[in-house]
Amino acid sequence: MQWARRVKEDGFFIEPDALVQTSYREIADYVNDKYVSYEASKFLDDADPWIIAHAKAYGRKVVTFEVSAPNSKEPKIPDVGSGFDIKWQNTFEMVRELGMSLTLIE
């Protein structure tokens, strides 16, 4: 929690504007309609739907370690985003696309 407070001052977190809030409501409706109440509530209590809402509102791509699991009882970022034609990619694809490399430090 201390980390979150510290990086908030550096602009790490973006406040949701009206467009993002509208997108969030659409995502919440979608998740509540598609998934059982308990799993939908868990998903909506987390940051994931807000990340999807920002992507939806501004035509962005979501980067995640999650993989698509359309038959899962739990909402997954790729599957919820796909319900709104939001593009996504895994973190390793993003690293390659940006021409970055990861090095392990021992």
PDB file of N, CA and C in Angstrom:
ATOM      1  N   MET A   1       0.809  -1.189   0.000  1.00  0.00           N
ATOM      2  CA  MET A   1       0.000   0.000   0.000  1.00  0.00           C
ATOM      3  C   MET A   1       0.863   1.267   0.000  1.00  0.00           C
ATOM      4  N   GLN A   2       1.996   1.211   0.705  1.00  0.00           N
ATOM      5  CA  GLN A   2       2.887   2.378   0.712  1.00  0.00           C
ATOM      6  C   GLN A   2       3.409   2.653  -0.690  1.00  0.00           C
ATOM      7  N   TRP A   3       3.710   1.573  -1.421  1.00  0.00           N
ATOM      8  CA  TRP A   3       4.181   1.734  -2.789  1.00  0.00           C
ATOM      9  C   TRP A   3       3.135   2.476  -3.621  1.00  0.00           C
ATOM     10  N   ALA A   4       1.875   2.082  -3.496  1.00  0.00           N
ATOM     11  CA  ALA A   4       0.806   2.712  -4.278  1.00  0.00           C
ATOM     12  C   ALA A   4       0.687   4.191  -3.940  1.00  0.00           C
ATOM     13  N   ARG A   5       0.780   4.520  -2.693  1.00  0.00           N
ATOM     14  CA  ARG A   5       0.703   5.937  -2.295  1.00  0.00           C
ATOM     15  C   ARG A   5       1.866   6.730  -2.887  1.00  0.00           C
ATOM     16  N   ARG A   6       3.050   6.137  -2.865  1.00  0.00           N
ATOM     17  CA  ARG A   6       4.239   6.834  -3.361  1.00  0.00           C
ATOM     18  C   ARG A   6       4.153   7.069  -4.871  1.00  0.00           C
ATOM     19  N   VAL A   7       3.768   6.046  -5.637  1.00  0.00           N
ATOM     20  CA  VAL A   7       3.746   6.203  -7.093  1.00  0.00           C
ATOM     21  C   VAL A   7       2.534   6.993  -7.575  1.00  0.00           C
ATOM     22  N   LYS A   8       1.510   7.107  -6.756  1.00  0.00           N
ATOM     23  CA  LYS A   8       0.350   7.921  -7.138  1.00  0.00           C
ATOM     24  C   LYS A   8       0.775   9.365  -7.375  1.00  0.00           C
ATOM     25  N   GLU A   9       1.651   9.856  -6.534  1.00  0.00           N
ATOM     26  CA  GLU A   9       2.152  11.225  -6.673  1.00  0.00           C
ATOM     27  C   GLU A   9       2.961  11.413  -7.947  1.00  0.00           C
ATOM     28  N   ASP A  10       3.508  10.330  -8.484  1.00  0.00           N
ATOM     29  CA  ASP A  10       4.310  10.392  -9.709  1.00  0.00           C
ATOM     30  C   ASP A  10       3.470  10.236 -10.967  1.00  0.00           C
ATOM     31  N   GLY A  11       2.148  10.162 -10.821  1.00  0.00           N
ATOM     32  CA  GLY A  11       1.269  10.032 -11.980  1.00  0.00           C
ATOM     33  C   GLY A  11       1.087   8.618 -12.464  1.00  0.00           C
ATOM     34  N   PHE A  12       1.424   7.632 -11.630  1.00  0.00           N
ATOM     35  CA  PHE A  12       1.297   6.237 -12.037  1.00  0.00           C
ATOM     36  C   PHE A  12      -0.158   5.838 -12.209  1.00  0.00           C
ATOM     37  N   PHE A  13      -1.035   6.375 -11.391  1.00  0.00           N
ATOM     38  CA  PHE A  13      -2.463   6.062 -11.471  1.00  0.00           C
ATOM     39  C   PHE A  13      -3.194   7.192 -12.183  1.00  0.00           C
ATOM     40  N   ILE A  14      -4.121   6.823 -13.033  1.00  0.00           N
ATOM     41  CA  ILE A  14      -4.889   7.805 -13.794  1.00  0.00           C
ATOM     42  C   ILE A  14      -6.320   7.807 -13.277  1.00  0.00           C
ATOM     43  N   GLU A  15      -6.799   8.964 -12.916  1.00  0.00           N
ATOM     44  CA  GLU A  15      -8.177   9.079 -12.447  1.00  0.00           C
ATOM     45  C   GLU A  15      -9.140   8.824 -13.609  1.00  0.00           C
ATOM     46  N   PRO A  16     -10.181   8.051 -13.395  1.00  0.00           N
ATOM     47  CA  PRO A  16     -11.138   7.790 -14.484  1.00  0.00           C
ATOM     48  C   PRO A  16     -12.022   9.002 -14.748  1.00  0.00           C
ATOM     49  N   ASP A  17     -11.999   9.458 -15.988  1.00  0.00           N
ATOM     50  CA  ASP A  17     -12.870  10.571 -16.370  1.00  0.00           C
ATOM     51  C   ASP A  17     -14.259  10.034 -16.722  1.00  0.00           C
ATOM     52  N   ALA A  18     -15.140  10.910 -17.178  1.00  0.00           N
ATOM     53  CA  ALA A  18     -16.527  10.523 -17.466  1.00  0.00           C
ATOM     54  C   ALA A  18     -16.595   9.433 -18.540  1.00  0.00           C
ATOM     55  N   LEU A  19     -15.755   9.513 -19.548  1.00  0.00           N
ATOM     56  CA  LEU A  19     -15.763   8.515 -20.622  1.00  0.00           C
ATOM     57  C   LEU A  19     -15.346   7.140 -20.088  1.00  0.00           C
ATOM     58  N   VAL A  20     -14.342   7.113 -19.239  1.00  0.00           N
ATOM     59  CA  VAL A  20     -13.888   5.856 -18.638  1.00  0.00           C
ATOM     60  C   VAL A  20     -14.960   5.303 -17.708  1.00  0.00           C
ATOM     61  N   GLN A  21     -15.607   6.161 -16.943  1.00  0.00           N
ATOM     62  CA  GLN A  21     -16.661   5.706 -16.039  1.00  0.00           C
ATOM     63  C   GLN A  21     -17.839   5.112 -16.805  1.00  0.00           C
ATOM     64  N   THR A  22     -18.173   5.708 -17.937  1.00  0.00           N
ATOM     65  CA  THR A  22     -19.236   5.159 -18.778  1.00  0.00           C
ATOM     66  C   THR A  22     -18.824   3.781 -19.313  1.00  0.00           C
ATOM     67  N   SER A  23     -17.574   3.659 -19.746  1.00  0.00           N
ATOM     68  CA  SER A  23     -17.071   2.374 -20.229  1.00  0.00           C
ATOM     69  C   SER A  23     -17.082   1.340 -19.110  1.00  0.00           C
ATOM     70  N   TYR A  24     -16.714   1.755 -17.896  1.00  0.00           N
ATOM     71  CA  TYR A  24     -16.719   0.840 -16.759  1.00  0.00           C
ATOM     72  C   TYR A  24     -18.130   0.294 -16.514  1.00  0.00           C
ATOM     73  N   ARG A  25     -19.127   1.158 -16.577  1.00  0.00           N
ATOM     74  CA  ARG A  25     -20.515   0.699 -16.371  1.00  0.00           C
ATOM     75  C   ARG A  25     -20.907  -0.337 -17.423  1.00  0.00           C
ATOM     76  N   GLU A  26     -20.510  -0.119 -18.666  1.00  0.00           N
ATOM     77  CA  GLU A  26     -20.804  -1.093 -19.726  1.00  0.00           C
ATOM     78  C   GLU A  26     -20.101  -2.420 -19.459  1.00  0.00           C
ATOM     79  N   ILE A  27     -18.872  -2.339 -19.010  1.00  0.00           N
ATOM     80  CA  ILE A  27     -18.109  -3.554 -18.694  1.00  0.00           C
ATOM     81  C   ILE A  27     -18.739  -4.272 -17.506  1.00  0.00           C
ATOM     82  N   ALA A  28     -19.128  -3.516 -16.488  1.00  0.00           N
ATOM     83  CA  ALA A  28     -19.764  -4.118 -15.310  1.00  0.00           C
ATOM     84  C   ALA A  28     -21.061  -4.824 -15.704  1.00  0.00           C
ATOM     85  N   ASP A  29     -21.864  -4.197 -16.549  1.00  0.00           N
ATOM     86  CA  ASP A  29     -23.105  -4.828 -17.015  1.00  0.00           C
ATOM     87  C   ASP A  29     -22.802  -6.129 -17.758  1.00  0.00           C
ATOM     88  N   TYR A  30     -21.799  -6.078 -18.625  1.00  0.00           N
ATOM     89  CA  TYR A  30     -21.403  -7.255 -19.402  1.00  0.00           C
ATOM     90  C   TYR A  30     -20.971  -8.391 -18.474  1.00  0.00           C
ATOM     91  N   VAL A  31     -20.109  -8.080 -17.517  1.00  0.00           N
ATOM     92  CA  VAL A  31     -19.590  -9.100 -16.594  1.00  0.00           C
ATOM     93  C   VAL A  31     -20.715  -9.657 -15.736  1.00  0.00           C
ATOM     94  N   ASN A  32     -21.585  -8.792 -15.243  1.00  0.00           N
ATOM     95  CA  ASN A  32     -22.706  -9.260 -14.418  1.00  0.00           C
ATOM     96  C   ASN A  32     -23.669 -10.144 -15.196  1.00  0.00           C
ATOM     97  N   ASP A  33     -23.825  -9.879 -16.493  1.00  0.00           N
ATOM     98  CA  ASP A  33     -24.711 -10.698 -17.329  1.00  0.00           C
ATOM     99  C   ASP A  33     -24.082 -12.040 -17.704  1.00  0.00           C
ATOM    100  N   LYS A  34     -22.770 -12.069 -17.849  1.00  0.00           N
ATOM    101  CA  LYS A  34     -22.094 -13.246 -18.395  1.00  0.00           C
ATOM    102  C   LYS A  34     -21.591 -14.221 -17.324  1.00  0.00           C
ATOM    103  N   TYR A  35     -21.307 -13.736 -16.121  1.00  0.00           N
ATOM    104  CA  TYR A  35     -20.690 -14.569 -15.090  1.00  0.00           C
ATOM    105  C   TYR A  35     -21.578 -14.639 -13.847  1.00  0.00           C
ATOM    106  N   VAL A  36     -21.371 -15.696 -13.060  1.00  0.00           N
ATOM    107  CA  VAL A  36     -22.143 -15.839 -11.826  1.00  0.00           C
ATOM    108  C   VAL A  36     -21.790 -14.697 -10.877  1.00  0.00           C
ATOM    109  N   SER A  37     -22.738 -14.370 -10.031  1.00  0.00           N
ATOM    110  CA  SER A  37     -22.644 -13.187  -9.177  1.00  0.00           C
ATOM    111  C   SER A  37     -21.342 -13.109  -8.378  1.00  0.00           C
ATOM    112  N   TYR A  38     -20.956 -14.202  -7.729  1.00  0.00           N
ATOM    113  CA  TYR A  38     -19.760 -14.184  -6.887  1.00  0.00           C
ATOM    114  C   TYR A  38     -18.505 -13.871  -7.699  1.00  0.00           C
ATOM    115  N   GLU A  39     -18.332 -14.538  -8.835  1.00  0.00           N
ATOM    116  CA  GLU A  39     -17.147 -14.315  -9.674  1.00  0.00           C
ATOM    117  C   GLU A  39     -17.167 -12.922 -10.295  1.00  0.00           C
ATOM    118  N   ALA A  40     -18.343 -12.467 -10.699  1.00  0.00           N
ATOM    119  CA  ALA A  40     -18.459 -11.116 -11.255  1.00  0.00           C
ATOM    120  C   ALA A  40     -18.074 -10.078 -10.217  1.00  0.00           C
ATOM    121  N   SER A  41     -18.552 -10.239  -8.999  1.00  0.00           N
ATOM    122  CA  SER A  41     -18.241  -9.286  -7.924  1.00  0.00           C
ATOM    123  C   SER A  41     -16.749  -9.244  -7.627  1.00  0.00           C
ATOM    124  N   LYS A  42     -16.113 -10.421  -7.564  1.00  0.00           N
ATOM    125  CA  LYS A  42     -14.667 -10.461  -7.320  1.00  0.00           C
ATOM    126  C   LYS A  42     -13.914  -9.705  -8.410  1.00  0.00           C
ATOM    127  N   PHE A  43     -14.295  -9.925  -9.655  1.00  0.00           N
ATOM    128  CA  PHE A  43     -13.629  -9.271 -10.779  1.00  0.00           C
ATOM    129  C   PHE A  43     -13.840  -7.758 -10.731  1.00  0.00           C
ATOM    130  N   LEU A  44     -15.066  -7.338 -10.461  1.00  0.00           N
ATOM    131  CA  LEU A  44     -15.390  -5.911 -10.472  1.00  0.00           C
ATOM    132  C   LEU A  44     -14.815  -5.159  -9.277  1.00  0.00           C
ATOM    133  N   ASP A  45     -14.427  -5.875  -8.229  1.00  0.00           N
ATOM    134  CA  ASP A  45     -13.810  -5.235  -7.064  1.00  0.00           C
ATOM    135  C   ASP A  45     -12.316  -5.003  -7.255  1.00  0.00           C
ATOM    136  N   ASP A  46     -11.771  -5.450  -8.350  1.00  0.00           N
ATOM    137  CA  ASP A  46     -10.339  -5.359  -8.619  1.00  0.00           C
ATOM    138  C   ASP A  46     -10.073  -4.221  -9.615  1.00  0.00           C
ATOM    139  N   ALA A  47      -8.824  -4.022  -9.970  1.00  0.00           N
ATOM    140  CA  ALA A  47      -8.445  -2.968 -10.916  1.00  0.00           C
ATOM    141  C   ALA A  47      -8.672  -3.365 -12.373  1.00  0.00           C
ATOM    142  N   ASP A  48      -8.775  -4.671 -12.643  1.00  0.00           N
ATOM    143  CA  ASP A  48      -8.864  -5.140 -14.030  1.00  0.00           C
ATOM    144  C   ASP A  48      -9.961  -4.475 -14.851  1.00  0.00           C
ATOM    145  N   PRO A  49     -11.197  -4.364 -14.348  1.00  0.00           N
ATOM    146  CA  PRO A  49     -12.211  -3.735 -15.192  1.00  0.00           C
ATOM    147  C   PRO A  49     -11.924  -2.262 -15.494  1.00  0.00           C
ATOM    148  N   TRP A  50     -11.203  -1.596 -14.595  1.00  0.00           N
ATOM    149  CA  TRP A  50     -10.839  -0.191 -14.848  1.00  0.00           C
ATOM    150  C   TRP A  50      -9.794  -0.106 -15.949  1.00  0.00           C
ATOM    151  N   ILE A  51      -8.884  -1.052 -15.978  1.00  0.00           N
ATOM    152  CA  ILE A  51      -7.884  -1.075 -17.046  1.00  0.00           C
ATOM    153  C   ILE A  51      -8.578  -1.307 -18.388  1.00  0.00           C
ATOM    154  N   ILE A  52      -9.513  -2.233 -18.411  1.00  0.00           N
ATOM    155  CA  ILE A  52     -10.278  -2.499 -19.629  1.00  0.00           C
ATOM    156  C   ILE A  52     -11.096  -1.270 -20.016  1.00  0.00           C
ATOM    157  N   ALA A  53     -11.674  -0.603 -19.040  1.00  0.00           N
ATOM    158  CA  ALA A  53     -12.482   0.597 -19.305  1.00  0.00           C
ATOM    159  C   ALA A  53     -11.641   1.714 -19.921  1.00  0.00           C
ATOM    160  N   HIS A  54     -10.424   1.907 -19.430  1.00  0.00           N
ATOM    161  CA  HIS A  54      -9.531   2.918 -20.025  1.00  0.00           C
ATOM    162  C   HIS A  54      -9.218   2.544 -21.470  1.00  0.00           C
ATOM    163  N   ALA A  55      -8.937   1.270 -21.710  1.00  0.00           N
ATOM    164  CA  ALA A  55      -8.636   0.823 -23.071  1.00  0.00           C
ATOM    165  C   ALA A  55      -9.838   1.028 -23.988  1.00  0.00           C
ATOM    166  N   LYS A  56     -11.021   0.709 -23.499  1.00  0.00           N
ATOM    167  CA  LYS A  56     -12.239   0.873 -24.295  1.00  0.00           C
ATOM    168  C   LYS A  56     -12.487   2.342 -24.601  1.00  0.00           C
ATOM    169  N   ALA A  57     -12.345   3.175 -23.599  1.00  0.00           N
ATOM    170  CA  ALA A  57     -12.638   4.603 -23.756  1.00  0.00           C
ATOM    171  C   ALA A  57     -11.696   5.285 -24.743  1.00  0.00           C
ATOM    172  N   TYR A  58     -10.449   4.842 -24.781  1.00  0.00           N
ATOM    173  CA  TYR A  58      -9.451   5.551 -25.584  1.00  0.00           C
ATOM    174  C   TYR A  58      -8.807   4.702 -26.677  1.00  0.00           C
ATOM    175  N   GLY A  59      -9.436   3.564 -27.003  1.00  0.00           N
ATOM    176  CA  GLY A  59      -8.948   2.750 -28.113  1.00  0.00           C
ATOM    177  C   GLY A  59      -7.547   2.204 -27.906  1.00  0.00           C
ATOM    178  N   ARG A  60      -7.250   1.816 -26.699  1.00  0.00           N
ATOM    179  CA  ARG A  60      -5.921   1.299 -26.370  1.00  0.00           C
ATOM    180  C   ARG A  60      -5.910  -0.228 -26.319  1.00  0.00           C
ATOM    181  N   LYS A  61      -4.728  -0.765 -26.208  1.00  0.00           N
ATOM    182  CA  LYS A  61      -4.513  -2.202 -26.093  1.00  0.00           C
ATOM    183  C   LYS A  61      -4.205  -2.504 -24.623  1.00  0.00           C
ATOM    184  N   VAL A  62      -4.647  -3.664 -24.146  1.00  0.00           N
ATOM    185  CA  VAL A  62      -4.374  -4.090 -22.779  1.00  0.00           C
ATOM    186  C   VAL A  62      -3.247  -5.119 -22.804  1.00  0.00           C
ATOM    187  N   VAL A  63      -2.295  -4.949 -21.903  1.00  0.00           N
ATOM    188  CA  VAL A  63      -1.197  -5.892 -21.751  1.00  0.00           C
ATOM    189  C   VAL A  63      -1.410  -6.645 -20.444  1.00  0.00           C
ATOM    190  N   THR A  64      -1.355  -7.976 -20.512  1.00  0.00           N
ATOM    191  CA  THR A  64      -1.642  -8.798 -19.335  1.00  0.00           C
ATOM    192  C   THR A  64      -0.901 -10.118 -19.402  1.00  0.00           C
ATOM    193  N   PHE A  65      -0.681 -10.706 -18.233  1.00  0.00           N
ATOM    194  CA  PHE A  65      -0.152 -12.067 -18.172  1.00  0.00           C
ATOM    195  C   PHE A  65      -1.278 -13.090 -18.309  1.00  0.00           C
ATOM    196  N   GLU A  66      -2.526 -12.653 -18.168  1.00  0.00           N
ATOM    197  CA  GLU A  66      -3.642 -13.588 -18.273  1.00  0.00           C
ATOM    198  C   GLU A  66      -3.777 -14.113 -19.698  1.00  0.00           C
ATOM    199  N   VAL A  67      -4.336 -15.294 -19.801  1.00  0.00           N
ATOM    200  CA  VAL A  67      -4.612 -15.876 -21.110  1.00  0.00           C
ATOM    201  C   VAL A  67      -6.124 -16.048 -21.257  1.00  0.00           C
ATOM    202  N   SER A  68      -6.560 -16.073 -22.475  1.00  0.00           N
ATOM    203  CA  SER A  68      -7.977 -16.257 -22.744  1.00  0.00           C
ATOM    204  C   SER A  68      -8.433 -17.624 -22.247  1.00  0.00           C
ATOM    205  N   ALA A  69      -9.571 -17.628 -21.588  1.00  0.00           N
ATOM    206  CA  ALA A  69     -10.186 -18.868 -21.103  1.00  0.00           C
ATOM    207  C   ALA A  69     -11.692 -18.695 -21.183  1.00  0.00           C
ATOM    208  N   PRO A  70     -12.232 -18.718 -22.398  1.00  0.00           N
ATOM    209  CA  PRO A  70     -13.642 -18.392 -22.600  1.00  0.00           C
ATOM    210  C   PRO A  70     -14.628 -19.267 -21.825  1.00  0.00           C
ATOM    211  N   ASN A  71     -14.222 -20.466 -21.445  1.00  0.00           N
ATOM    212  CA  ASN A  71     -15.123 -21.347 -20.706  1.00  0.00           C
ATOM    213  C   ASN A  71     -14.926 -21.271 -19.192  1.00  0.00           C
ATOM    214  N   SER A  72     -14.067 -20.375 -18.748  1.00  0.00           N
ATOM    215  CA  SER A  72     -13.798 -20.227 -17.320  1.00  0.00           C
ATOM    216  C   SER A  72     -14.995 -19.601 -16.602  1.00  0.00           C
ATOM    217  N   LYS A  73     -15.173 -19.990 -15.357  1.00  0.00           N
ATOM    218  CA  LYS A  73     -16.217 -19.374 -14.531  1.00  0.00           C
ATOM    219  C   LYS A  73     -15.783 -17.999 -14.047  1.00  0.00           C
ATOM    220  N   GLU A  74     -14.463 -17.746 -14.075  1.00  0.00           N
ATOM    221  CA  GLU A  74     -13.913 -16.465 -13.646  1.00  0.00           C
ATOM    222  C   GLU A  74     -13.665 -15.582 -14.865  1.00  0.00           C
ATOM    223  N   PRO A  75     -14.069 -14.318 -14.804  1.00  0.00           N
ATOM    224  CA  PRO A  75     -13.774 -13.408 -15.912  1.00  0.00           C
ATOM    225  C   PRO A  75     -12.267 -13.224 -16.069  1.00  0.00           C
ATOM    226  N   LYS A  76     -11.803 -13.245 -17.280  1.00  0.00           N
ATOM    227  CA  LYS A  76     -10.397 -13.015 -17.600  1.00  0.00           C
ATOM    228  C   LYS A  76     -10.298 -11.763 -18.457  1.00  0.00           C
ATOM    229  N   ILE A  77      -9.262 -10.987 -18.248  1.00  0.00           N
ATOM    230  CA  ILE A  77      -9.088  -9.737 -18.987  1.00  0.00           C
ATOM    231  C   ILE A  77      -9.234  -9.928 -20.495  1.00  0.00           C
ATOM    232  N   PRO A  78      -8.551 -10.903 -21.113  1.00  0.00           N
ATOM    233  CA  PRO A  78      -8.681 -11.048 -22.573  1.00  0.00           C
ATOM    234  C   PRO A  78     -10.117 -11.312 -23.021  1.00  0.00           C
ATOM    235  N   ASP A  79     -10.859 -12.097 -22.241  1.00  0.00           N
ATOM    236  CA  ASP A  79     -12.218 -12.453 -22.652  1.00  0.00           C
ATOM    237  C   ASP A  79     -13.199 -11.308 -22.448  1.00  0.00           C
ATOM    238  N   VAL A  80     -13.067 -10.602 -21.352  1.00  0.00           N
ATOM    239  CA  VAL A  80     -13.944  -9.438 -21.137  1.00  0.00           C
ATOM    240  C   VAL A  80     -13.619  -8.383 -22.182  1.00  0.00           C
ATOM    241  N   GLY A  81     -12.340  -8.119 -22.408  1.00  0.00           N
ATOM    242  CA  GLY A  81     -11.948  -7.140 -23.425  1.00  0.00           C
ATOM    243  C   GLY A  81     -12.414  -7.521 -24.811  1.00  0.00           C
ATOM    244  N   SER A  82     -12.346  -8.802 -25.133  1.00  0.00           N
ATOM    245  CA  SER A  82     -12.795  -9.259 -26.457  1.00  0.00           C
ATOM    246  C   SER A  82     -14.280  -9.013 -26.663  1.00  0.00           C
ATOM    247  N   GLY A  83     -15.040  -8.997 -25.579  1.00  0.00           N
ATOM    248  CA  GLY A  83     -16.462  -8.681 -25.671  1.00  0.00           C
ATOM    249  C   GLY A  83     -16.724  -7.266 -26.159  1.00  0.00           C
ATOM    250  N   PHE A  84     -15.680  -6.435 -26.132  1.00  0.00           N
ATOM    251  CA  PHE A  84     -15.792  -5.046 -26.587  1.00  0.00           C
ATOM    252  C   PHE A  84     -14.801  -4.743 -27.708  1.00  0.00           C
ATOM    253  N   ASP A  85     -14.285  -5.786 -28.345  1.00  0.00           N
ATOM    254  CA  ASP A  85     -13.301  -5.658 -29.429  1.00  0.00           C
ATOM    255  C   ASP A  85     -12.040  -4.912 -28.998  1.00  0.00           C
ATOM    256  N   ILE A  86     -11.657  -5.079 -27.740  1.00  0.00           N
ATOM    257  CA  ILE A  86     -10.435  -4.458 -27.230  1.00  0.00           C
ATOM    258  C   ILE A  86      -9.279  -5.409 -27.502  1.00  0.00           C
ATOM    259  N   LYS A  87      -8.249  -4.886 -28.134  1.00  0.00           N
ATOM    260  CA  LYS A  87      -7.074  -5.708 -28.418  1.00  0.00           C
ATOM    261  C   LYS A  87      -6.282  -5.906 -27.131  1.00  0.00           C
ATOM    262  N   TRP A  88      -5.629  -7.048 -27.046  1.00  0.00           N
ATOM    263  CA  TRP A  88      -4.789  -7.339 -25.895  1.00  0.00           C
ATOM    264  C   TRP A  88      -3.595  -8.153 -26.345  1.00  0.00           C
ATOM    265  N   GLN A  89      -2.567  -8.150 -25.529  1.00  0.00           N
ATOM    266  CA  GLN A  89      -1.404  -8.977 -25.791  1.00  0.00           C
ATOM    267  C   GLN A  89      -0.756  -9.328 -24.463  1.00  0.00           C
ATOM    268  N   ASN A  90       0.022 -10.403 -24.484  1.00  0.00           N
ATOM    269  CA  ASN A  90       0.681 -10.755 -23.228  1.00  0.00           C
ATOM    270  C   ASN A  90       1.930  -9.900 -23.057  1.00  0.00           C
ATOM    271  N   THR A  91       2.438  -9.898 -21.857  1.00  0.00           N
ATOM    272  CA  THR A  91       3.551  -9.032 -21.496  1.00  0.00           C
ATOM    273  C   THR A  91       4.802  -9.331 -22.320  1.00  0.00           C
ATOM    274  N   PHE A  92       5.050 -10.601 -22.584  1.00  0.00           N
ATOM    275  CA  PHE A  92       6.234 -10.960 -23.362  1.00  0.00           C
ATOM    276  C   PHE A  92       6.136 -10.448 -24.798  1.00  0.00           C
ATOM    277  N   GLU A  93       4.942 -10.487 -25.384  1.00  0.00           N
ATOM    278  CA  GLU A  93       4.751  -9.928 -26.728  1.00  0.00           C
ATOM    279  C   GLU A  93       5.031  -8.428 -26.724  1.00  0.00           C
ATOM    280  N   MET A  94       4.598  -7.727 -25.684  1.00  0.00           N
ATOM    281  CA  MET A  94       4.850  -6.295 -25.589  1.00  0.00           C
ATOM    282  C   MET A  94       6.348  -6.013 -25.511  1.00  0.00           C
ATOM    283  N   VAL A  95       7.061  -6.805 -24.710  1.00  0.00           N
ATOM    284  CA  VAL A  95       8.501  -6.623 -24.560  1.00  0.00           C
ATOM    285  C   VAL A  95       9.194  -6.796 -25.909  1.00  0.00           C
ATOM    286  N   ARG A  96       8.819  -7.848 -26.648  1.00  0.00           N
ATOM    287  CA  ARG A  96       9.404  -8.070 -27.980  1.00  0.00           C
ATOM    288  C   ARG A  96       9.045  -6.926 -28.935  1.00  0.00           C
ATOM    289  N   GLU A  97       7.773  -6.509 -28.913  1.00  0.00           N
ATOM    290  CA  GLU A  97       7.317  -5.444 -29.808  1.00  0.00           C
ATOM    291  C   GLU A  97       8.082  -4.143 -29.560  1.00  0.00           C
ATOM    292  N   LEU A  98       8.409  -3.875 -28.312  1.00  0.00           N
ATOM    293  CA  LEU A  98       9.135  -2.651 -27.967  1.00  0.00           C
ATOM    294  C   LEU A  98      10.649  -2.784 -28.133  1.00  0.00           C
ATOM    295  N   GLY A  99      11.101  -3.986 -28.519  1.00  0.00           N
ATOM    296  CA  GLY A  99      12.519  -4.207 -28.721  1.00  0.00           C
ATOM    297  C   GLY A  99      13.308  -4.256 -27.416  1.00  0.00           C
ATOM    298  N   MET A 100      12.635  -4.593 -26.353  1.00  0.00           N
ATOM    299  CA  MET A 100      13.275  -4.679 -25.046  1.00  0.00           C
ATOM    300  C   MET A 100      13.768  -6.108 -24.803  1.00  0.00           C
ATOM    301  N   SER A 101      14.625  -6.256 -23.811  1.00  0.00           N
ATOM    302  CA  SER A 101      15.024  -7.586 -23.389  1.00  0.00           C
ATOM    303  C   SER A 101      15.022  -7.611 -21.872  1.00  0.00           C
ATOM    304  N   LEU A 102      14.776  -8.772 -21.346  1.00  0.00           N
ATOM    305  CA  LEU A 102      14.744  -8.949 -19.903  1.00  0.00           C
ATOM    306  C   LEU A 102      15.985  -9.737 -19.493  1.00  0.00           C
ATOM    307  N   THR A 103      16.639  -9.275 -18.457  1.00  0.00           N
ATOM    308  CA  THR A 103      17.821  -9.936 -17.956  1.00  0.00           C
ATOM    309  C   THR A 103      17.611 -10.296 -16.495  1.00  0.00           C
ATOM    310  N   LEU A 104      17.928 -11.523 -16.156  1.00  0.00           N
ATOM    311  CA  LEU A 104      17.844 -11.948 -14.775  1.00  0.00           C
ATOM    312  C   LEU A 104      19.102 -11.533 -14.050  1.00  0.00           C
ATOM    313  N   ILE A 105      18.917 -10.959 -12.893  1.00  0.00           N
ATOM    314  CA  ILE A 105      20.044 -10.565 -12.050  1.00  0.00           C
ATOM    315  C   ILE A 105      20.117 -11.528 -10.886  1.00  0.00           C
ATOM    316  N   GLU A 106      21.253 -12.144 -10.742  1.00  0.00           N
ATOM    317  CA  GLU A 106      21.407 -13.116  -9.658  1.00  0.00           C
ATOM    318  C   GLU A 106      22.185 -12.518  -8.523  1.00  0.00           C
TER     319      GLU A 106
END
